[in-house]
């Protein structure tokens, strides 16, 4: 398995686990079989472009993140005040400087 395929497989599994979803639940959300999700997570196949986009929407990350093109994820800030967004940005910066 190539390194990029392994990274995509790991990200899908990690995001699914982090969201508290089973493979069956994710497959129902995407309208496909559990074995398809399992194959992605095992690195046996890769999701089509359509499903990369759907996975990104489902987990609120960018397609670039899923495909290993960037290290970050997105955080939806809809409905937050500018002050609340500013606090979140400050917290992220705080975590980034801790080592």
Protein backbone atom coordinates (compact mmCIF):
# COMPACT_ATOMS: atom_id res chain seq x y z
CA UNK A 1 0.00 0.00 0.00
CA UNK A 2 1.38 3.42 -0.93
CA UNK A 3 2.04 5.97 1.81
CA UNK A 4 -0.69 8.34 0.53
CA UNK A 5 -3.24 5.54 0.33
CA UNK A 6 -2.31 4.51 3.89
CA UNK A 7 -2.72 8.12 5.11
CA UNK A 8 -6.15 8.45 3.47
CA UNK A 9 -7.24 5.13 4.99
CA UNK A 10 -6.03 6.22 8.44
CA UNK A 11 -7.73 9.62 8.19
CA UNK A 12 -11.08 8.12 7.23
CA UNK A 13 -10.91 5.65 10.13
CA UNK A 14 -9.73 8.30 12.59
CA UNK A 15 -12.42 10.79 11.57
CA UNK A 16 -15.11 8.10 11.72
CA UNK A 17 -13.96 6.94 15.15
CA UNK A 18 -13.70 10.54 16.35
CA UNK A 19 -17.28 11.16 15.27
CA UNK A 20 -18.40 8.06 17.16
CA UNK A 21 -19.70 6.38 14.01
CA UNK A 22 -19.53 2.72 13.09
CA UNK A 23 -18.65 1.69 9.56
CA UNK A 24 -22.31 0.78 9.06
CA UNK A 25 -23.51 4.20 10.23
CA UNK A 26 -21.07 6.01 7.95
CA UNK A 27 -22.00 3.81 5.01
CA UNK A 28 -25.71 4.58 5.55
CA UNK A 29 -24.93 8.31 5.69
CA UNK A 30 -23.09 8.05 2.37
CA UNK A 31 -25.57 5.65 0.77
CA UNK A 32 -23.21 2.74 0.17
CA UNK A 33 -22.26 -0.59 1.69
CA UNK A 34 -20.30 -1.13 4.90
CA UNK A 35 -17.80 -3.19 2.93
CA UNK A 36 -16.98 -0.09 0.83
CA UNK A 37 -16.10 1.90 3.95
CA UNK A 38 -14.15 -1.07 5.29
CA UNK A 39 -12.19 -1.32 2.03
CA UNK A 40 -11.30 2.39 2.23
CA UNK A 41 -10.10 2.00 5.83
CA UNK A 42 -8.07 -1.09 4.96
CA UNK A 43 -6.48 0.69 1.99
CA UNK A 44 -7.92 -1.87 -0.43
CA UNK A 45 -9.72 0.79 -2.45
CA UNK A 46 -10.09 4.56 -2.53
CA UNK A 47 -13.26 6.60 -2.47
CA UNK A 48 -14.30 8.22 -5.73
CA UNK A 49 -14.11 12.00 -6.01
CA UNK A 50 -17.82 12.18 -5.13
CA UNK A 51 -17.24 10.32 -1.86
CA UNK A 52 -14.11 12.30 -0.98
CA UNK A 53 -16.32 15.41 -1.15
CA UNK A 54 -19.08 13.72 0.87
CA UNK A 55 -16.58 12.56 3.51
CA UNK A 56 -15.20 16.09 3.78
CA UNK A 57 -18.70 17.49 4.28
CA UNK A 58 -19.63 14.78 6.77
CA UNK A 59 -16.54 15.30 8.93
CA UNK A 60 -16.27 19.08 8.35
CA UNK A 61 -12.73 18.91 6.97
CA UNK A 62 -11.35 19.97 3.61
CA UNK A 63 -10.80 17.57 0.76
CA UNK A 64 -7.15 18.70 0.84
CA UNK A 65 -6.93 17.50 4.43
CA UNK A 66 -8.40 14.11 3.54
CA UNK A 67 -6.01 13.72 0.62
CA UNK A 68 -2.97 14.75 2.66
CA UNK A 69 -2.45 18.08 0.94
CA UNK A 70 -2.66 20.12 4.15
CA UNK A 71 -2.27 19.38 7.82
CA UNK A 72 -5.25 21.38 9.08
CA UNK A 73 -8.94 20.77 9.51
CA UNK A 74 -11.79 23.24 9.38
CA UNK A 75 -13.95 24.34 12.27
CA UNK A 76 -17.41 25.64 11.44
CA UNK A 77 -17.96 29.01 13.10
CA UNK A 78 -21.47 29.72 11.81
CA UNK A 79 -23.55 31.45 14.46
CA UNK A 80 -20.56 32.45 16.62
CA UNK A 81 -19.81 36.05 17.46
CA UNK A 82 -16.56 37.66 16.40
CA UNK A 83 -15.44 37.55 20.05
CA UNK A 84 -16.13 33.79 20.27
CA UNK A 85 -14.21 33.19 17.03
CA UNK A 86 -11.33 35.24 18.39
CA UNK A 87 -11.25 33.11 21.57
CA UNK A 88 -11.12 29.93 19.47
CA UNK A 89 -8.26 31.30 17.37
CA UNK A 90 -6.36 32.22 20.54
CA UNK A 91 -6.88 28.72 21.96
CA UNK A 92 -5.61 27.11 18.76
CA UNK A 93 -2.52 29.32 18.78
CA UNK A 94 -1.92 28.38 22.40
CA UNK A 95 -2.02 24.66 21.58
CA UNK A 96 0.22 25.15 18.56
CA UNK A 97 2.95 26.80 20.64
CA UNK A 98 2.89 24.11 23.36
CA UNK A 99 5.52 21.44 22.79
